[in-house]
Amino acid sequence: MVYVRLSLMRAIPGREGEVERLNHQLLELYRTCPGFLAGYYLKAADGSQEVGRLTIWESHQQADSAANLDYSLALRSQLHLLVQPGHVDRSFFAE
């Protein structure tokens, strides 16, 4: 069983490029972390302007370790300042 994290958000108008850049930086970081299996930058197909990240990990613990790295925390803090309220962070176990 693998562990999946999904983060969905809408950028504050005019900040879309920064939100995309930060999500890509997070994915680049996570690709170097133990337990990382795959990751994707997401763009809504329905015109809603929603974007996000999907990451797949060997375990919950490895995902948590990566999320708590200083650089990850710094990037995510910047990201939270650039997105509209109501972003979604979800986690799943997948078989």
PDB file of N, CA and C in Angstrom:
ATOM      1  N   MET A   1       0.838  -1.164   0.000  1.00  0.00           N
ATOM      2  CA  MET A   1       0.000   0.000   0.000  1.00  0.00           C
ATOM      3  C   MET A   1       0.894   1.243   0.000  1.00  0.00           C
ATOM      4  N   VAL A   2       0.562   2.223  -0.830  1.00  0.00           N
ATOM      5  CA  VAL A   2       1.312   3.471  -0.881  1.00  0.00           C
ATOM      6  C   VAL A   2       0.500   4.585  -0.237  1.00  0.00           C
ATOM      7  N   TYR A   3       1.156   5.695   0.000  1.00  0.00           N
ATOM      8  CA  TYR A   3       0.538   6.849   0.632  1.00  0.00           C
ATOM      9  C   TYR A   3       0.519   7.989  -0.382  1.00  0.00           C
ATOM     10  N   VAL A   4      -0.625   8.646  -0.523  1.00  0.00           N
ATOM     11  CA  VAL A   4      -0.811   9.690  -1.531  1.00  0.00           C
ATOM     12  C   VAL A   4      -1.203  10.989  -0.844  1.00  0.00           C
ATOM     13  N   ARG A   5      -0.568  12.076  -1.269  1.00  0.00           N
ATOM     14  CA  ARG A   5      -0.951  13.406  -0.794  1.00  0.00           C
ATOM     15  C   ARG A   5      -1.431  14.228  -1.977  1.00  0.00           C
ATOM     16  N   LEU A   6      -2.530  14.937  -1.759  1.00  0.00           N
ATOM     17  CA  LEU A   6      -3.137  15.781  -2.780  1.00  0.00           C
ATOM     18  C   LEU A   6      -3.362  17.165  -2.193  1.00  0.00           C
ATOM     19  N   SER A   7      -2.824  18.186  -2.850  1.00  0.00           N
ATOM     20  CA  SER A   7      -3.022  19.575  -2.440  1.00  0.00           C
ATOM     21  C   SER A   7      -3.629  20.319  -3.620  1.00  0.00           C
ATOM     22  N   LEU A   8      -4.777  20.965  -3.383  1.00  0.00           N
ATOM     23  CA  LEU A   8      -5.469  21.728  -4.415  1.00  0.00           C
ATOM     24  C   LEU A   8      -5.644  23.163  -3.955  1.00  0.00           C
ATOM     25  N   MET A   9      -5.483  24.106  -4.887  1.00  0.00           N
ATOM     26  CA  MET A   9      -5.528  25.517  -4.516  1.00  0.00           C
ATOM     27  C   MET A   9      -5.867  26.367  -5.736  1.00  0.00           C
ATOM     28  N   ARG A  10      -6.265  27.599  -5.456  1.00  0.00           N
ATOM     29  CA  ARG A  10      -6.449  28.623  -6.489  1.00  0.00           C
ATOM     30  C   ARG A  10      -5.561  29.803  -6.108  1.00  0.00           C
ATOM     31  N   ALA A  11      -4.777  30.252  -7.065  1.00  0.00           N
ATOM     32  CA  ALA A  11      -3.891  31.388  -6.815  1.00  0.00           C
ATOM     33  C   ALA A  11      -4.700  32.667  -6.648  1.00  0.00           C
ATOM     34  N   ILE A  12      -4.180  33.575  -5.849  1.00  0.00           N
ATOM     35  CA  ILE A  12      -4.711  34.929  -5.816  1.00  0.00           C
ATOM     36  C   ILE A  12      -4.509  35.490  -7.222  1.00  0.00           C
ATOM     37  N   PRO A  13      -5.507  36.162  -7.787  1.00  0.00           N
ATOM     38  CA  PRO A  13      -5.351  36.689  -9.151  1.00  0.00           C
ATOM     39  C   PRO A  13      -4.055  37.481  -9.317  1.00  0.00           C
ATOM     40  N   GLY A  14      -3.354  37.178 -10.385  1.00  0.00           N
ATOM     41  CA  GLY A  14      -2.077  37.820 -10.669  1.00  0.00           C
ATOM     42  C   GLY A  14      -0.875  37.098 -10.090  1.00  0.00           C
ATOM     43  N   ARG A  15      -1.099  36.077  -9.257  1.00  0.00           N
ATOM     44  CA  ARG A  15      -0.001  35.354  -8.597  1.00  0.00           C
ATOM     45  C   ARG A  15       0.147  33.923  -9.123  1.00  0.00           C
ATOM     46  N   GLU A  16      -0.526  33.627 -10.239  1.00  0.00           N
ATOM     47  CA  GLU A  16      -0.545  32.266 -10.776  1.00  0.00           C
ATOM     48  C   GLU A  16       0.859  31.724 -11.076  1.00  0.00           C
ATOM     49  N   GLY A  17       1.709  32.560 -11.657  1.00  0.00           N
ATOM     50  CA  GLY A  17       3.064  32.118 -11.991  1.00  0.00           C
ATOM     51  C   GLY A  17       3.881  31.740 -10.765  1.00  0.00           C
ATOM     52  N   GLU A  18       3.740  32.519  -9.720  1.00  0.00           N
ATOM     53  CA  GLU A  18       4.466  32.222  -8.484  1.00  0.00           C
ATOM     54  C   GLU A  18       3.977  30.928  -7.842  1.00  0.00           C
ATOM     55  N   VAL A  19       2.662  30.728  -7.876  1.00  0.00           N
ATOM     56  CA  VAL A  19       2.086  29.499  -7.310  1.00  0.00           C
ATOM     57  C   VAL A  19       2.580  28.278  -8.088  1.00  0.00           C
ATOM     58  N   GLU A  20       2.620  28.394  -9.397  1.00  0.00           N
ATOM     59  CA  GLU A  20       3.119  27.280 -10.208  1.00  0.00           C
ATOM     60  C   GLU A  20       4.594  27.016  -9.907  1.00  0.00           C
ATOM     61  N   ARG A  21       5.387  28.079  -9.845  1.00  0.00           N
ATOM     62  CA  ARG A  21       6.823  27.931  -9.571  1.00  0.00           C
ATOM     63  C   ARG A  21       7.071  27.255  -8.226  1.00  0.00           C
ATOM     64  N   LEU A  22       6.369  27.680  -7.186  1.00  0.00           N
ATOM     65  CA  LEU A  22       6.559  27.092  -5.858  1.00  0.00           C
ATOM     66  C   LEU A  22       6.143  25.630  -5.824  1.00  0.00           C
ATOM     67  N   ASN A  23       5.044  25.294  -6.494  1.00  0.00           N
ATOM     68  CA  ASN A  23       4.629  23.888  -6.550  1.00  0.00           C
ATOM     69  C   ASN A  23       5.686  23.037  -7.251  1.00  0.00           C
ATOM     70  N   HIS A  24       6.274  23.567  -8.321  1.00  0.00           N
ATOM     71  CA  HIS A  24       7.331  22.827  -9.019  1.00  0.00           C
ATOM     72  C   HIS A  24       8.576  22.695  -8.151  1.00  0.00           C
ATOM     73  N   GLN A  25       8.894  23.734  -7.383  1.00  0.00           N
ATOM     74  CA  GLN A  25      10.050  23.641  -6.478  1.00  0.00           C
ATOM     75  C   GLN A  25       9.810  22.576  -5.410  1.00  0.00           C
ATOM     76  N   LEU A  26       8.598  22.515  -4.897  1.00  0.00           N
ATOM     77  CA  LEU A  26       8.286  21.469  -3.913  1.00  0.00           C
ATOM     78  C   LEU A  26       8.436  20.092  -4.535  1.00  0.00           C
ATOM     79  N   LEU A  27       7.939  19.906  -5.737  1.00  0.00           N
ATOM     80  CA  LEU A  27       8.066  18.608  -6.395  1.00  0.00           C
ATOM     81  C   LEU A  27       9.535  18.252  -6.628  1.00  0.00           C
ATOM     82  N   GLU A  28      10.343  19.227  -7.032  1.00  0.00           N
ATOM     83  CA  GLU A  28      11.776  18.972  -7.222  1.00  0.00           C
ATOM     84  C   GLU A  28      12.426  18.524  -5.916  1.00  0.00           C
ATOM     85  N   LEU A  29      12.078  19.174  -4.823  1.00  0.00           N
ATOM     86  CA  LEU A  29      12.608  18.792  -3.516  1.00  0.00           C
ATOM     87  C   LEU A  29      12.167  17.376  -3.161  1.00  0.00           C
ATOM     88  N   TYR A  30      10.882  17.104  -3.279  1.00  0.00           N
ATOM     89  CA  TYR A  30      10.357  15.801  -2.877  1.00  0.00           C
ATOM     90  C   TYR A  30      10.962  14.668  -3.688  1.00  0.00           C
ATOM     91  N   ARG A  31      11.298  14.934  -4.950  1.00  0.00           N
ATOM     92  CA  ARG A  31      11.902  13.895  -5.796  1.00  0.00           C
ATOM     93  C   ARG A  31      13.240  13.415  -5.244  1.00  0.00           C
ATOM     94  N   THR A  32      13.877  14.214  -4.395  1.00  0.00           N
ATOM     95  CA  THR A  32      15.172  13.841  -3.816  1.00  0.00           C
ATOM     96  C   THR A  32      15.016  13.120  -2.478  1.00  0.00           C
ATOM     97  N   CYS A  33      13.807  12.997  -1.990  1.00  0.00           N
ATOM     98  CA  CYS A  33      13.576  12.468  -0.643  1.00  0.00           C
ATOM     99  C   CYS A  33      13.360  10.962  -0.649  1.00  0.00           C
ATOM    100  N   PRO A  34      13.830  10.283   0.416  1.00  0.00           N
ATOM    101  CA  PRO A  34      13.583   8.857   0.539  1.00  0.00           C
ATOM    102  C   PRO A  34      12.087   8.561   0.544  1.00  0.00           C
ATOM    103  N   GLY A  35      11.706   7.507  -0.167  1.00  0.00           N
ATOM    104  CA  GLY A  35      10.319   7.068  -0.183  1.00  0.00           C
ATOM    105  C   GLY A  35       9.458   7.711  -1.246  1.00  0.00           C
ATOM    106  N   PHE A  36       9.965   8.725  -1.942  1.00  0.00           N
ATOM    107  CA  PHE A  36       9.195   9.370  -2.999  1.00  0.00           C
ATOM    108  C   PHE A  36       9.081   8.422  -4.187  1.00  0.00           C
ATOM    109  N   LEU A  37       7.860   8.232  -4.671  1.00  0.00           N
ATOM    110  CA  LEU A  37       7.634   7.354  -5.822  1.00  0.00           C
ATOM    111  C   LEU A  37       7.259   8.123  -7.085  1.00  0.00           C
ATOM    112  N   ALA A  38       6.407   9.143  -6.963  1.00  0.00           N
ATOM    113  CA  ALA A  38       5.979   9.921  -8.122  1.00  0.00           C
ATOM    114  C   ALA A  38       5.348  11.216  -7.645  1.00  0.00           C
ATOM    115  N   GLY A  39       5.342  12.202  -8.528  1.00  0.00           N
ATOM    116  CA  GLY A  39       4.714  13.471  -8.199  1.00  0.00           C
ATOM    117  C   GLY A  39       4.321  14.208  -9.463  1.00  0.00           C
ATOM    118  N   TYR A  40       3.243  14.965  -9.362  1.00  0.00           N
ATOM    119  CA  TYR A  40       2.700  15.663 -10.523  1.00  0.00           C
ATOM    120  C   TYR A  40       2.192  17.042 -10.130  1.00  0.00           C
ATOM    121  N   TYR A  41       2.367  17.993 -11.043  1.00  0.00           N
ATOM    122  CA  TYR A  41       1.733  19.295 -10.921  1.00  0.00           C
ATOM    123  C   TYR A  41       0.409  19.187 -11.664  1.00  0.00           C
ATOM    124  N   LEU A  42      -0.663  19.646 -11.047  1.00  0.00           N
ATOM    125  CA  LEU A  42      -2.002  19.492 -11.604  1.00  0.00           C
ATOM    126  C   LEU A  42      -2.579  20.838 -12.014  1.00  0.00           C
ATOM    127  N   LYS A  43      -3.290  20.848 -13.149  1.00  0.00           N
ATOM    128  CA  LYS A  43      -4.062  22.008 -13.602  1.00  0.00           C
ATOM    129  C   LYS A  43      -5.462  21.521 -13.912  1.00  0.00           C
ATOM    130  N   ALA A  44      -6.463  22.194 -13.372  1.00  0.00           N
ATOM    131  CA  ALA A  44      -7.854  21.788 -13.580  1.00  0.00           C
ATOM    132  C   ALA A  44      -8.203  21.815 -15.068  1.00  0.00           C
ATOM    133  N   ALA A  45      -8.931  20.817 -15.497  1.00  0.00           N
ATOM    134  CA  ALA A  45      -9.372  20.727 -16.887  1.00  0.00           C
ATOM    135  C   ALA A  45     -10.715  21.413 -17.108  1.00  0.00           C
ATOM    136  N   ASP A  46     -11.311  21.934 -16.043  1.00  0.00           N
ATOM    137  CA  ASP A  46     -12.662  22.494 -16.145  1.00  0.00           C
ATOM    138  C   ASP A  46     -12.699  24.022 -16.186  1.00  0.00           C
ATOM    139  N   GLY A  47     -11.549  24.656 -16.308  1.00  0.00           N
ATOM    140  CA  GLY A  47     -11.520  26.114 -16.374  1.00  0.00           C
ATOM    141  C   GLY A  47     -11.636  26.813 -15.037  1.00  0.00           C
ATOM    142  N   SER A  48     -11.587  26.077 -13.934  1.00  0.00           N
ATOM    143  CA  SER A  48     -11.759  26.652 -12.600  1.00  0.00           C
ATOM    144  C   SER A  48     -10.521  27.379 -12.086  1.00  0.00           C
ATOM    145  N   GLN A  49      -9.401  27.269 -12.792  1.00  0.00           N
ATOM    146  CA  GLN A  49      -8.125  27.871 -12.382  1.00  0.00           C
ATOM    147  C   GLN A  49      -7.509  27.185 -11.167  1.00  0.00           C
ATOM    148  N   GLU A  50      -8.055  26.042 -10.777  1.00  0.00           N
ATOM    149  CA  GLU A  50      -7.500  25.297  -9.656  1.00  0.00           C
ATOM    150  C   GLU A  50      -6.242  24.567 -10.117  1.00  0.00           C
ATOM    151  N   VAL A  51      -5.236  24.554  -9.252  1.00  0.00           N
ATOM    152  CA  VAL A  51      -3.989  23.846  -9.512  1.00  0.00           C
ATOM    153  C   VAL A  51      -3.645  23.031  -8.276  1.00  0.00           C
ATOM    154  N   GLY A  52      -2.626  22.194  -8.388  1.00  0.00           N
ATOM    155  CA  GLY A  52      -2.243  21.433  -7.213  1.00  0.00           C
ATOM    156  C   GLY A  52      -1.055  20.541  -7.433  1.00  0.00           C
ATOM    157  N   ARG A  53      -0.813  19.728  -6.420  1.00  0.00           N
ATOM    158  CA  ARG A  53       0.267  18.749  -6.410  1.00  0.00           C
ATOM    159  C   ARG A  53      -0.292  17.414  -5.982  1.00  0.00           C
ATOM    160  N   LEU A  54       0.172  16.374  -6.634  1.00  0.00           N
ATOM    161  CA  LEU A  54      -0.131  15.007  -6.227  1.00  0.00           C
ATOM    162  C   LEU A  54       1.201  14.310  -6.028  1.00  0.00           C
ATOM    163  N   THR A  55       1.424  13.776  -4.836  1.00  0.00           N
ATOM    164  CA  THR A  55       2.660  13.036  -4.585  1.00  0.00           C
ATOM    165  C   THR A  55       2.317  11.651  -4.052  1.00  0.00           C
ATOM    166  N   ILE A  56       3.156  10.692  -4.427  1.00  0.00           N
ATOM    167  CA  ILE A  56       2.962   9.299  -4.028  1.00  0.00           C
ATOM    168  C   ILE A  56       4.226   8.841  -3.310  1.00  0.00           C
ATOM    169  N   TRP A  57       4.013   8.246  -2.142  1.00  0.00           N
ATOM    170  CA  TRP A  57       5.104   7.878  -1.245  1.00  0.00           C
ATOM    171  C   TRP A  57       5.022   6.408  -0.858  1.00  0.00           C
ATOM    172  N   GLU A  58       6.149   5.869  -0.455  1.00  0.00           N
ATOM    173  CA  GLU A  58       6.171   4.500   0.057  1.00  0.00           C
ATOM    174  C   GLU A  58       5.440   4.396   1.390  1.00  0.00           C
ATOM    175  N   SER A  59       5.496   5.470   2.196  1.00  0.00           N
ATOM    176  CA  SER A  59       4.848   5.420   3.505  1.00  0.00           C
ATOM    177  C   SER A  59       4.442   6.813   3.973  1.00  0.00           C
ATOM    178  N   HIS A  60       3.531   6.824   4.912  1.00  0.00           N
ATOM    179  CA  HIS A  60       3.087   8.062   5.562  1.00  0.00           C
ATOM    180  C   HIS A  60       4.258   8.749   6.252  1.00  0.00           C
ATOM    181  N   GLN A  61       5.106   7.983   6.911  1.00  0.00           N
ATOM    182  CA  GLN A  61       6.228   8.533   7.652  1.00  0.00           C
ATOM    183  C   GLN A  61       7.215   9.243   6.726  1.00  0.00           C
ATOM    184  N   GLN A  62       7.464   8.663   5.553  1.00  0.00           N
ATOM    185  CA  GLN A  62       8.397   9.290   4.623  1.00  0.00           C
ATOM    186  C   GLN A  62       7.821  10.592   4.054  1.00  0.00           C
ATOM    187  N   ALA A  63       6.523  10.601   3.795  1.00  0.00           N
ATOM    188  CA  ALA A  63       5.866  11.826   3.328  1.00  0.00           C
ATOM    189  C   ALA A  63       5.954  12.904   4.400  1.00  0.00           C
ATOM    190  N   ASP A  64       5.721  12.534   5.650  1.00  0.00           N
ATOM    191  CA  ASP A  64       5.814  13.492   6.753  1.00  0.00           C
ATOM    192  C   ASP A  64       7.230  14.033   6.915  1.00  0.00           C
ATOM    193  N   SER A  65       8.213  13.156   6.784  1.00  0.00           N
ATOM    194  CA  SER A  65       9.605  13.594   6.907  1.00  0.00           C
ATOM    195  C   SER A  65       9.937  14.642   5.852  1.00  0.00           C
ATOM    196  N   ALA A  66       9.511  14.399   4.624  1.00  0.00           N
ATOM    197  CA  ALA A  66       9.777  15.347   3.544  1.00  0.00           C
ATOM    198  C   ALA A  66       9.028  16.660   3.777  1.00  0.00           C
ATOM    199  N   ALA A  67       7.788  16.575   4.209  1.00  0.00           N
ATOM    200  CA  ALA A  67       6.976  17.773   4.432  1.00  0.00           C
ATOM    201  C   ALA A  67       7.538  18.640   5.554  1.00  0.00           C
ATOM    202  N   ASN A  68       8.263  18.035   6.470  1.00  0.00           N
ATOM    203  CA  ASN A  68       8.787  18.773   7.618  1.00  0.00           C
ATOM    204  C   ASN A  68      10.230  19.240   7.458  1.00  0.00           C
ATOM    205  N   LEU A  69      10.805  19.050   6.274  1.00  0.00           N
ATOM    206  CA  LEU A  69      12.125  19.614   6.010  1.00  0.00           C
ATOM    207  C   LEU A  69      12.019  21.137   6.041  1.00  0.00           C
ATOM    208  N   ASP A  70      13.056  21.794   6.512  1.00  0.00           N
ATOM    209  CA  ASP A  70      13.023  23.254   6.605  1.00  0.00           C
ATOM    210  C   ASP A  70      12.686  23.904   5.271  1.00  0.00           C
ATOM    211  N   TYR A  71      13.293  23.422   4.183  1.00  0.00           N
ATOM    212  CA  TYR A  71      13.057  24.020   2.876  1.00  0.00           C
ATOM    213  C   TYR A  71      11.613  23.793   2.427  1.00  0.00           C
ATOM    214  N   SER A  72      11.067  22.634   2.703  1.00  0.00           N
ATOM    215  CA  SER A  72       9.673  22.358   2.373  1.00  0.00           C
ATOM    216  C   SER A  72       8.748  23.290   3.156  1.00  0.00           C
ATOM    217  N   LEU A  73       8.995  23.445   4.425  1.00  0.00           N
ATOM    218  CA  LEU A  73       8.176  24.333   5.255  1.00  0.00           C
ATOM    219  C   LEU A  73       8.246  25.772   4.747  1.00  0.00           C
ATOM    220  N   ALA A  74       9.430  26.202   4.333  1.00  0.00           N
ATOM    221  CA  ALA A  74       9.591  27.568   3.833  1.00  0.00           C
ATOM    222  C   ALA A  74       8.824  27.766   2.521  1.00  0.00           C
ATOM    223  N   LEU A  75       8.938  26.807   1.610  1.00  0.00           N
ATOM    224  CA  LEU A  75       8.218  26.916   0.336  1.00  0.00           C
ATOM    225  C   LEU A  75       6.712  26.892   0.546  1.00  0.00           C
ATOM    226  N   ARG A  76       6.252  26.007   1.417  1.00  0.00           N
ATOM    227  CA  ARG A  76       4.813  25.910   1.663  1.00  0.00           C
ATOM    228  C   ARG A  76       4.283  27.167   2.348  1.00  0.00           C
ATOM    229  N   SER A  77       5.086  27.777   3.211  1.00  0.00           N
ATOM    230  CA  SER A  77       4.677  29.034   3.848  1.00  0.00           C
ATOM    231  C   SER A  77       4.512  30.140   2.806  1.00  0.00           C
ATOM    232  N   GLN A  78       5.443  30.219   1.869  1.00  0.00           N
ATOM    233  CA  GLN A  78       5.327  31.197   0.784  1.00  0.00           C
ATOM    234  C   GLN A  78       4.075  30.923  -0.049  1.00  0.00           C
ATOM    235  N   LEU A  79       3.842  29.663  -0.337  1.00  0.00           N
ATOM    236  CA  LEU A  79       2.703  29.267  -1.163  1.00  0.00           C
ATOM    237  C   LEU A  79       1.378  29.669  -0.511  1.00  0.00           C
ATOM    238  N   HIS A  80       1.273  29.453   0.785  1.00  0.00           N
ATOM    239  CA  HIS A  80       0.027  29.769   1.492  1.00  0.00           C
ATOM    240  C   HIS A  80      -0.309  31.262   1.435  1.00  0.00           C
ATOM    241  N   LEU A  81       0.685  32.108   1.278  1.00  0.00           N
ATOM    242  CA  LEU A  81       0.440  33.547   1.166  1.00  0.00           C
ATOM    243  C   LEU A  81      -0.073  33.941  -0.214  1.00  0.00           C
ATOM    244  N   LEU A  82       0.041  33.033  -1.187  1.00  0.00           N
ATOM    245  CA  LEU A  82      -0.292  33.345  -2.582  1.00  0.00           C
ATOM    246  C   LEU A  82      -1.561  32.661  -3.077  1.00  0.00           C
ATOM    247  N   VAL A  83      -2.217  31.905  -2.203  1.00  0.00           N
ATOM    248  CA  VAL A  83      -3.424  31.191  -2.632  1.00  0.00           C
ATOM    249  C   VAL A  83      -4.645  31.714  -1.893  1.00  0.00           C
ATOM    250  N   GLN A  84      -5.788  31.520  -2.535  1.00  0.00           N
ATOM    251  CA  GLN A  84      -7.050  31.945  -1.952  1.00  0.00           C
ATOM    252  C   GLN A  84      -7.433  31.032  -0.792  1.00  0.00           C
ATOM    253  N   PRO A  85      -8.200  31.551   0.160  1.00  0.00           N
ATOM    254  CA  PRO A  85      -8.686  30.701   1.253  1.00  0.00           C
ATOM    255  C   PRO A  85      -9.484  29.518   0.693  1.00  0.00           C
ATOM    256  N   GLY A  86      -9.421  28.426   1.416  1.00  0.00           N
ATOM    257  CA  GLY A  86     -10.193  27.251   1.023  1.00  0.00           C
ATOM    258  C   GLY A  86      -9.395  26.196   0.282  1.00  0.00           C
ATOM    259  N   HIS A  87      -8.063  26.312   0.289  1.00  0.00           N
ATOM    260  CA  HIS A  87      -7.280  25.264  -0.373  1.00  0.00           C
ATOM    261  C   HIS A  87      -7.485  23.938   0.353  1.00  0.00           C
ATOM    262  N   VAL A  88      -7.245  22.853  -0.350  1.00  0.00           N
ATOM    263  CA  VAL A  88      -7.515  21.517   0.177  1.00  0.00           C
ATOM    264  C   VAL A  88      -6.216  20.721   0.251  1.00  0.00           C
ATOM    265  N   ASP A  89      -5.962  20.103   1.384  1.00  0.00           N
ATOM    266  CA  ASP A  89      -4.850  19.168   1.561  1.00  0.00           C
ATOM    267  C   ASP A  89      -5.450  17.858   2.044  1.00  0.00           C
ATOM    268  N   ARG A  90      -5.270  16.805   1.253  1.00  0.00           N
ATOM    269  CA  ARG A  90      -5.842  15.499   1.604  1.00  0.00           C
ATOM    270  C   ARG A  90      -4.773  14.427   1.499  1.00  0.00           C
ATOM    271  N   SER A  91      -4.961  13.358   2.243  1.00  0.00           N
ATOM    272  CA  SER A  91      -4.045  12.225   2.223  1.00  0.00           C
ATOM    273  C   SER A  91      -4.846  10.939   2.110  1.00  0.00           C
ATOM    274  N   PHE A  92      -4.258   9.964   1.406  1.00  0.00           N
ATOM    275  CA  PHE A  92      -4.952   8.695   1.157  1.00  0.00           C
ATOM    276  C   PHE A  92      -3.949   7.547   1.187  1.00  0.00           C
ATOM    277  N   PHE A  93      -4.441   6.394   1.563  1.00  0.00           N
ATOM    278  CA  PHE A  93      -3.700   5.148   1.351  1.00  0.00           C
ATOM    279  C   PHE A  93      -4.248   4.543   0.075  1.00  0.00           C
ATOM    280  N   ALA A  94      -3.369   4.082  -0.806  1.00  0.00           N
ATOM    281  CA  ALA A  94      -3.793   3.505  -2.086  1.00  0.00           C
ATOM    282  C   ALA A  94      -3.252   2.092  -2.221  1.00  0.00           C
ATOM    283  N   GLU A  95      -4.053   1.237  -2.754  1.00  0.00           N
ATOM    284  CA  GLU A  95      -3.648  -0.165  -2.956  1.00  0.00           C
ATOM    285  C   GLU A  95      -3.364  -0.415  -4.415  1.00  0.00           C
TER     286      GLU A  95
END
